[in-house]
Amino acid sequence: QNIFLELTEKCRAVVCCQATPLQKSVLVRL
């Protein structure tokens, strides 16, 4: 999780495709 968040902070846009509803809510909460 922390490595992924460090990567996303360096991006201007992050697009999550074909994600389940649970994955979407966990990602937003994270």
PDB file of all heavy atoms in Angstrom:
ATOM      1  N   GLN A   1       0.815  -1.216   0.000  1.00  0.00           N
ATOM      2  CA  GLN A   1       0.000   0.000   0.000  1.00  0.00           C
ATOM      3  C   GLN A   1       0.852   1.271   0.000  1.00  0.00           C
ATOM      4  O   GLN A   1       0.597   2.191  -0.775  1.00  0.00           O
ATOM      5  CB  GLN A   1      -0.936   0.022   1.209  1.00  0.00           C
ATOM      6  CG  GLN A   1      -2.120  -0.883   1.084  1.00  0.00           C
ATOM      7  CD  GLN A   1      -3.021  -0.804   2.298  1.00  0.00           C
ATOM      8  OE1 GLN A   1      -2.714  -0.133   3.278  1.00  0.00           O
ATOM      9  NE2 GLN A   1      -4.138  -1.503   2.239  1.00  0.00           N
ATOM     10  N   ASN A   2       1.848   1.325   0.849  1.00  0.00           N
ATOM     11  CA  ASN A   2       2.672   2.540   0.937  1.00  0.00           C
ATOM     12  C   ASN A   2       3.461   2.786  -0.338  1.00  0.00           C
ATOM     13  O   ASN A   2       3.601   3.931  -0.779  1.00  0.00           O
ATOM     14  CB  ASN A   2       3.605   2.460   2.144  1.00  0.00           C
ATOM     15  CG  ASN A   2       2.836   2.536   3.451  1.00  0.00           C
ATOM     16  OD1 ASN A   2       1.756   3.131   3.515  1.00  0.00           O
ATOM     17  ND2 ASN A   2       3.378   1.935   4.498  1.00  0.00           N
ATOM     18  N   ILE A   3       3.972   1.715  -0.937  1.00  0.00           N
ATOM     19  CA  ILE A   3       4.716   1.861  -2.197  1.00  0.00           C
ATOM     20  C   ILE A   3       3.780   2.354  -3.297  1.00  0.00           C
ATOM     21  O   ILE A   3       4.137   3.236  -4.088  1.00  0.00           O
ATOM     22  CB  ILE A   3       5.381   0.522  -2.589  1.00  0.00           C
ATOM     23  CG1 ILE A   3       6.409   0.132  -1.521  1.00  0.00           C
ATOM     24  CG2 ILE A   3       6.032   0.611  -3.957  1.00  0.00           C
ATOM     25  CD1 ILE A   3       6.923  -1.279  -1.654  1.00  0.00           C
ATOM     26  N   PHE A   4       2.583   1.803  -3.347  1.00  0.00           N
ATOM     27  CA  PHE A   4       1.593   2.219  -4.336  1.00  0.00           C
ATOM     28  C   PHE A   4       1.217   3.690  -4.141  1.00  0.00           C
ATOM     29  O   PHE A   4       1.109   4.448  -5.109  1.00  0.00           O
ATOM     30  CB  PHE A   4       0.354   1.327  -4.251  1.00  0.00           C
ATOM     31  CG  PHE A   4      -0.760   1.733  -5.168  1.00  0.00           C
ATOM     32  CD1 PHE A   4      -0.625   1.633  -6.541  1.00  0.00           C
ATOM     33  CD2 PHE A   4      -1.943   2.227  -4.655  1.00  0.00           C
ATOM     34  CE1 PHE A   4      -1.651   2.015  -7.382  1.00  0.00           C
ATOM     35  CE2 PHE A   4      -2.974   2.612  -5.489  1.00  0.00           C
ATOM     36  CZ  PHE A   4      -2.826   2.509  -6.851  1.00  0.00           C
ATOM     37  N   LEU A   5       1.040   4.113  -2.890  1.00  0.00           N
ATOM     38  CA  LEU A   5       0.691   5.506  -2.628  1.00  0.00           C
ATOM     39  C   LEU A   5       1.820   6.459  -3.010  1.00  0.00           C
ATOM     40  O   LEU A   5       1.579   7.547  -3.508  1.00  0.00           O
ATOM     41  CB  LEU A   5       0.302   5.696  -1.164  1.00  0.00           C
ATOM     42  CG  LEU A   5      -1.061   5.135  -0.778  1.00  0.00           C
ATOM     43  CD1 LEU A   5      -1.285   5.248   0.718  1.00  0.00           C
ATOM     44  CD2 LEU A   5      -2.172   5.818  -1.532  1.00  0.00           C
ATOM     45  N   GLU A   6       3.063   6.057  -2.781  1.00  0.00           N
ATOM     46  CA  GLU A   6       4.198   6.883  -3.205  1.00  0.00           C
ATOM     47  C   GLU A   6       4.216   7.037  -4.722  1.00  0.00           C
ATOM     48  O   GLU A   6       4.503   8.114  -5.245  1.00  0.00           O
ATOM     49  CB  GLU A   6       5.513   6.256  -2.729  1.00  0.00           C
ATOM     50  CG  GLU A   6       5.764   6.407  -1.253  1.00  0.00           C
ATOM     51  CD  GLU A   6       7.052   5.716  -0.823  1.00  0.00           C
ATOM     52  OE1 GLU A   6       7.968   5.583  -1.663  1.00  0.00           O
ATOM     53  OE2 GLU A   6       7.126   5.313   0.346  1.00  0.00           O
ATOM     54  N   LEU A   7       3.905   5.954  -5.422  1.00  0.00           N
ATOM     55  CA  LEU A   7       3.858   6.006  -6.885  1.00  0.00           C
ATOM     56  C   LEU A   7       2.738   6.919  -7.358  1.00  0.00           C
ATOM     57  O   LEU A   7       2.923   7.734  -8.259  1.00  0.00           O
ATOM     58  CB  LEU A   7       3.689   4.601  -7.459  1.00  0.00           C
ATOM     59  CG  LEU A   7       3.515   4.503  -8.973  1.00  0.00           C
ATOM     60  CD1 LEU A   7       4.781   4.977  -9.675  1.00  0.00           C
ATOM     61  CD2 LEU A   7       3.178   3.074  -9.365  1.00  0.00           C
ATOM     62  N   THR A   8       1.566   6.795  -6.755  1.00  0.00           N
ATOM     63  CA  THR A   8       0.426   7.610  -7.190  1.00  0.00           C
ATOM     64  C   THR A   8       0.636   9.088  -6.896  1.00  0.00           C
ATOM     65  O   THR A   8       0.121   9.937  -7.617  1.00  0.00           O
ATOM     66  CB  THR A   8      -0.886   7.143  -6.531  1.00  0.00           C
ATOM     67  OG1 THR A   8      -0.745   7.203  -5.109  1.00  0.00           O
ATOM     68  CG2 THR A   8      -1.248   5.741  -6.959  1.00  0.00           C
ATOM     69  N   GLU A   9       1.381   9.419  -5.851  1.00  0.00           N
ATOM     70  CA  GLU A   9       1.658  10.831  -5.551  1.00  0.00           C
ATOM     71  C   GLU A   9       2.508  11.485  -6.627  1.00  0.00           C
ATOM     72  O   GLU A   9       2.437  12.691  -6.832  1.00  0.00           O
ATOM     73  CB  GLU A   9       2.376  10.952  -4.207  1.00  0.00           C
ATOM     74  CG  GLU A   9       1.454  10.851  -3.021  1.00  0.00           C
ATOM     75  CD  GLU A   9       2.190  11.107  -1.723  1.00  0.00           C
ATOM     76  OE1 GLU A   9       3.195  10.432  -1.472  1.00  0.00           O
ATOM     77  OE2 GLU A   9       1.728  11.991  -0.964  1.00  0.00           O
ATOM     78  N   LYS A  10       3.286  10.704  -7.337  1.00  0.00           N
ATOM     79  CA  LYS A  10       4.150  11.239  -8.386  1.00  0.00           C
ATOM     80  C   LYS A  10       3.433  11.335  -9.733  1.00  0.00           C
ATOM     81  O   LYS A  10       3.973  11.874 -10.679  1.00  0.00           O
ATOM     82  CB  LYS A  10       5.401  10.369  -8.526  1.00  0.00           C
ATOM     83  CG  LYS A  10       6.267  10.427  -7.292  1.00  0.00           C
ATOM     84  CD  LYS A  10       7.448   9.522  -7.381  1.00  0.00           C
ATOM     85  CE  LYS A  10       8.242   9.675  -6.080  1.00  0.00           C
ATOM     86  NZ  LYS A  10       9.122   8.601  -5.826  1.00  0.00           N
ATOM     87  N   CYS A  11       2.221  10.810  -9.803  1.00  0.00           N
ATOM     88  CA  CYS A  11       1.455  10.826 -11.058  1.00  0.00           C
ATOM     89  C   CYS A  11       0.483  11.992 -11.069  1.00  0.00           C
ATOM     90  O   CYS A  11      -0.050  12.388 -10.041  1.00  0.00           O
ATOM     91  CB  CYS A  11       0.669   9.527 -11.216  1.00  0.00           C
ATOM     92  SG  CYS A  11       1.692   8.061 -11.323  1.00  0.00           S
ATOM     93  N   ARG A  12       0.245  12.516 -12.247  1.00  0.00           N
ATOM     94  CA  ARG A  12      -0.765  13.572 -12.394  1.00  0.00           C
ATOM     95  C   ARG A  12      -2.164  12.985 -12.437  1.00  0.00           C
ATOM     96  O   ARG A  12      -3.125  13.634 -12.058  1.00  0.00           O
ATOM     97  CB  ARG A  12      -0.499  14.366 -13.667  1.00  0.00           C
ATOM     98  CG  ARG A  12       0.741  15.235 -13.543  1.00  0.00           C
ATOM     99  CD  ARG A  12       0.857  16.113 -14.726  1.00  0.00           C
ATOM    100  NE  ARG A  12      -0.295  17.010 -14.760  1.00  0.00           N
ATOM    101  CZ  ARG A  12      -0.236  18.282 -15.055  1.00  0.00           C
ATOM    102  NH1 ARG A  12       0.908  18.813 -15.359  1.00  0.00           N
ATOM    103  NH2 ARG A  12      -1.311  19.018 -15.076  1.00  0.00           N
ATOM    104  N   ALA A  13      -2.283  11.748 -12.940  1.00  0.00           N
ATOM    105  CA  ALA A  13      -3.592  11.096 -13.016  1.00  0.00           C
ATOM    106  C   ALA A  13      -3.415   9.610 -12.776  1.00  0.00           C
ATOM    107  O   ALA A  13      -2.447   9.003 -13.219  1.00  0.00           O
ATOM    108  CB  ALA A  13      -4.221  11.329 -14.379  1.00  0.00           C
ATOM    109  N   VAL A  14      -4.381   9.027 -12.067  1.00  0.00           N
ATOM    110  CA  VAL A  14      -4.405   7.591 -11.824  1.00  0.00           C
ATOM    111  C   VAL A  14      -5.778   7.101 -12.254  1.00  0.00           C
ATOM    112  O   VAL A  14      -6.802   7.589 -11.778  1.00  0.00           O
ATOM    113  CB  VAL A  14      -4.160   7.255 -10.338  1.00  0.00           C
ATOM    114  CG1 VAL A  14      -4.231   5.763 -10.115  1.00  0.00           C
ATOM    115  CG2 VAL A  14      -2.826   7.802  -9.880  1.00  0.00           C
ATOM    116  N   VAL A  15      -5.789   6.124 -13.176  1.00  0.00           N
ATOM    117  CA  VAL A  15      -7.035   5.575 -13.690  1.00  0.00           C
ATOM    118  C   VAL A  15      -7.100   4.113 -13.283  1.00  0.00           C
ATOM    119  O   VAL A  15      -6.207   3.320 -13.593  1.00  0.00           O
ATOM    120  CB  VAL A  15      -7.111   5.711 -15.227  1.00  0.00           C
ATOM    121  CG1 VAL A  15      -8.385   5.070 -15.750  1.00  0.00           C
ATOM    122  CG2 VAL A  15      -7.034   7.162 -15.640  1.00  0.00           C
ATOM    123  N   CYS A  16      -8.171   3.762 -12.583  1.00  0.00           N
ATOM    124  CA  CYS A  16      -8.395   2.372 -12.189  1.00  0.00           C
ATOM    125  C   CYS A  16      -9.542   1.839 -13.041  1.00  0.00           C
ATOM    126  O   CYS A  16     -10.648   2.368 -13.002  1.00  0.00           O
ATOM    127  CB  CYS A  16      -8.754   2.273 -10.716  1.00  0.00           C
ATOM    128  SG  CYS A  16      -7.492   2.911  -9.624  1.00  0.00           S
ATOM    129  N   CYS A  17      -9.260   0.799 -13.806  1.00  0.00           N
ATOM    130  CA  CYS A  17     -10.285   0.243 -14.682  1.00  0.00           C
ATOM    131  C   CYS A  17     -10.575  -1.203 -14.278  1.00  0.00           C
ATOM    132  O   CYS A  17      -9.715  -1.896 -13.745  1.00  0.00           O
ATOM    133  CB  CYS A  17      -9.857   0.329 -16.145  1.00  0.00           C
ATOM    134  SG  CYS A  17      -8.285  -0.441 -16.498  1.00  0.00           S
ATOM    135  N   GLN A  18     -11.776  -1.630 -14.534  1.00  0.00           N
ATOM    136  CA  GLN A  18     -12.252  -2.976 -14.242  1.00  0.00           C
ATOM    137  C   GLN A  18     -12.056  -3.331 -12.777  1.00  0.00           C
ATOM    138  O   GLN A  18     -11.670  -4.443 -12.432  1.00  0.00           O
ATOM    139  CB  GLN A  18     -11.562  -4.001 -15.141  1.00  0.00           C
ATOM    140  CG  GLN A  18     -11.832  -3.778 -16.604  1.00  0.00           C
ATOM    141  CD  GLN A  18     -11.017  -4.718 -17.485  1.00  0.00           C
ATOM    142  OE1 GLN A  18     -10.069  -5.347 -17.034  1.00  0.00           O
ATOM    143  NE2 GLN A  18     -11.406  -4.797 -18.743  1.00  0.00           N
ATOM    144  N   ALA A  19     -12.321  -2.382 -11.893  1.00  0.00           N
ATOM    145  CA  ALA A  19     -12.204  -2.606 -10.457  1.00  0.00           C
ATOM    146  C   ALA A  19     -13.565  -2.959  -9.879  1.00  0.00           C
ATOM    147  O   ALA A  19     -14.604  -2.511 -10.368  1.00  0.00           O
ATOM    148  CB  ALA A  19     -11.648  -1.360  -9.779  1.00  0.00           C
ATOM    149  N   THR A  20     -13.555  -3.753  -8.825  1.00  0.00           N
ATOM    150  CA  THR A  20     -14.796  -4.122  -8.154  1.00  0.00           C
ATOM    151  C   THR A  20     -15.243  -2.964  -7.269  1.00  0.00           C
ATOM    152  O   THR A  20     -14.434  -2.100  -6.905  1.00  0.00           O
ATOM    153  CB  THR A  20     -14.590  -5.380  -7.292  1.00  0.00           C
ATOM    154  OG1 THR A  20     -13.669  -5.067  -6.237  1.00  0.00           O
ATOM    155  CG2 THR A  20     -14.062  -6.532  -8.128  1.00  0.00           C
ATOM    156  N   PRO A  21     -16.515  -2.940  -6.890  1.00  0.00           N
ATOM    157  CA  PRO A  21     -16.981  -1.868  -6.007  1.00  0.00           C
ATOM    158  C   PRO A  21     -16.208  -1.820  -4.683  1.00  0.00           C
ATOM    159  O   PRO A  21     -15.914  -0.741  -4.173  1.00  0.00           O
ATOM    160  CB  PRO A  21     -18.450  -2.208  -5.769  1.00  0.00           C
ATOM    161  CG  PRO A  21     -18.855  -2.983  -6.974  1.00  0.00           C
ATOM    162  CD  PRO A  21     -17.641  -3.755  -7.385  1.00  0.00           C
ATOM    163  N   LEU A  22     -15.847  -2.970  -4.148  1.00  0.00           N
ATOM    164  CA  LEU A  22     -15.088  -3.001  -2.902  1.00  0.00           C
ATOM    165  C   LEU A  22     -13.694  -2.407  -3.096  1.00  0.00           C
ATOM    166  O   LEU A  22     -13.208  -1.648  -2.245  1.00  0.00           O
ATOM    167  CB  LEU A  22     -14.977  -4.434  -2.380  1.00  0.00           C
ATOM    168  CG  LEU A  22     -14.223  -4.604  -1.065  1.00  0.00           C
ATOM    169  CD1 LEU A  22     -14.929  -3.846   0.054  1.00  0.00           C
ATOM    170  CD2 LEU A  22     -14.073  -6.071  -0.718  1.00  0.00           C
ATOM    171  N   GLN A  23     -13.049  -2.709  -4.213  1.00  0.00           N
ATOM    172  CA  GLN A  23     -11.724  -2.156  -4.498  1.00  0.00           C
ATOM    173  C   GLN A  23     -11.785  -0.636  -4.629  1.00  0.00           C
ATOM    174  O   GLN A  23     -10.895   0.078  -4.162  1.00  0.00           O
ATOM    175  CB  GLN A  23     -11.145  -2.762  -5.774  1.00  0.00           C
ATOM    176  CG  GLN A  23     -10.694  -4.185  -5.638  1.00  0.00           C
ATOM    177  CD  GLN A  23     -10.264  -4.772  -6.969  1.00  0.00           C
ATOM    178  OE1 GLN A  23     -10.733  -4.352  -8.029  1.00  0.00           O
ATOM    179  NE2 GLN A  23      -9.382  -5.760  -6.905  1.00  0.00           N
ATOM    180  N   LYS A  24     -12.837  -0.137  -5.263  1.00  0.00           N
ATOM    181  CA  LYS A  24     -12.986   1.309  -5.413  1.00  0.00           C
ATOM    182  C   LYS A  24     -13.107   1.994  -4.061  1.00  0.00           C
ATOM    183  O   LYS A  24     -12.444   3.004  -3.801  1.00  0.00           O
ATOM    184  CB  LYS A  24     -14.225   1.638  -6.257  1.00  0.00           C
ATOM    185  CG  LYS A  24     -14.123   1.212  -7.700  1.00  0.00           C
ATOM    186  CD  LYS A  24     -15.437   1.475  -8.407  1.00  0.00           C
ATOM    187  CE  LYS A  24     -15.415   0.974  -9.838  1.00  0.00           C
ATOM    188  NZ  LYS A  24     -16.689   1.219 -10.515  1.00  0.00           N
ATOM    189  N   SER A  25     -13.935   1.460  -3.192  1.00  0.00           N
ATOM    190  CA  SER A  25     -14.119   2.088  -1.879  1.00  0.00           C
ATOM    191  C   SER A  25     -12.867   1.956  -1.020  1.00  0.00           C
ATOM    192  O   SER A  25     -12.506   2.890  -0.303  1.00  0.00           O
ATOM    193  CB  SER A  25     -15.333   1.497  -1.167  1.00  0.00           C
ATOM    194  OG  SER A  25     -15.120   0.139  -0.868  1.00  0.00           O
ATOM    195  N   VAL A  26     -12.174   0.819  -1.090  1.00  0.00           N
ATOM    196  CA  VAL A  26     -10.933   0.652  -0.324  1.00  0.00           C
ATOM    197  C   VAL A  26      -9.873   1.627  -0.809  1.00  0.00           C
ATOM    198  O   VAL A  26      -9.142   2.213  -0.009  1.00  0.00           O
ATOM    199  CB  VAL A  26     -10.431  -0.816  -0.416  1.00  0.00           C
ATOM    200  CG1 VAL A  26      -9.020  -0.951   0.107  1.00  0.00           C
ATOM    201  CG2 VAL A  26     -11.367  -1.735   0.341  1.00  0.00           C
ATOM    202  N   LEU A  27      -9.794   1.836  -2.103  1.00  0.00           N
ATOM    203  CA  LEU A  27      -8.806   2.758  -2.668  1.00  0.00           C
ATOM    204  C   LEU A  27      -9.085   4.198  -2.233  1.00  0.00           C
ATOM    205  O   LEU A  27      -8.168   4.929  -1.843  1.00  0.00           O
ATOM    206  CB  LEU A  27      -8.802   2.650  -4.186  1.00  0.00           C
ATOM    207  CG  LEU A  27      -7.700   3.386  -4.916  1.00  0.00           C
ATOM    208  CD1 LEU A  27      -6.332   2.862  -4.493  1.00  0.00           C
ATOM    209  CD2 LEU A  27      -7.867   3.243  -6.410  1.00  0.00           C
ATOM    210  N   VAL A  28     -10.321   4.607  -2.264  1.00  0.00           N
ATOM    211  CA  VAL A  28     -10.672   5.968  -1.831  1.00  0.00           C
ATOM    212  C   VAL A  28     -10.389   6.134  -0.341  1.00  0.00           C
ATOM    213  O   VAL A  28      -9.820   7.146   0.093  1.00  0.00           O
ATOM    214  CB  VAL A  28     -12.148   6.284  -2.150  1.00  0.00           C
ATOM    215  CG1 VAL A  28     -12.582   7.584  -1.512  1.00  0.00           C
ATOM    216  CG2 VAL A  28     -12.369   6.353  -3.651  1.00  0.00           C
ATOM    217  N   ARG A  29     -10.754   5.133   0.460  1.00  0.00           N
ATOM    218  CA  ARG A  29     -10.490   5.198   1.895  1.00  0.00           C
ATOM    219  C   ARG A  29      -8.988   5.245   2.175  1.00  0.00           C
ATOM    220  O   ARG A  29      -8.523   5.980   3.054  1.00  0.00           O
ATOM    221  CB  ARG A  29     -11.112   3.996   2.605  1.00  0.00           C
ATOM    222  CG  ARG A  29     -10.985   4.074   4.112  1.00  0.00           C
ATOM    223  CD  ARG A  29     -11.667   2.928   4.832  1.00  0.00           C
ATOM    224  NE  ARG A  29     -13.111   3.095   4.755  1.00  0.00           N
ATOM    225  CZ  ARG A  29     -13.931   2.225   4.176  1.00  0.00           C
ATOM    226  NH1 ARG A  29     -13.459   1.136   3.631  1.00  0.00           N
ATOM    227  NH2 ARG A  29     -15.225   2.441   4.149  1.00  0.00           N
ATOM    228  N   LEU A  30      -8.217   4.485   1.415  1.00  0.00           N
ATOM    229  CA  LEU A  30      -6.763   4.458   1.572  1.00  0.00           C
ATOM    230  C   LEU A  30      -6.156   5.831   1.285  1.00  0.00           C
ATOM    231  O   LEU A  30      -5.338   6.331   2.051  1.00  0.00           O
ATOM    232  CB  LEU A  30      -6.163   3.403   0.642  1.00  0.00           C
ATOM    233  CG  LEU A  30      -4.654   3.233   0.657  1.00  0.00           C
ATOM    234  CD1 LEU A  30      -4.224   2.587   1.968  1.00  0.00           C
ATOM    235  CD2 LEU A  30      -4.217   2.380  -0.520  1.00  0.00           C
TER     236      LEU A  30
END
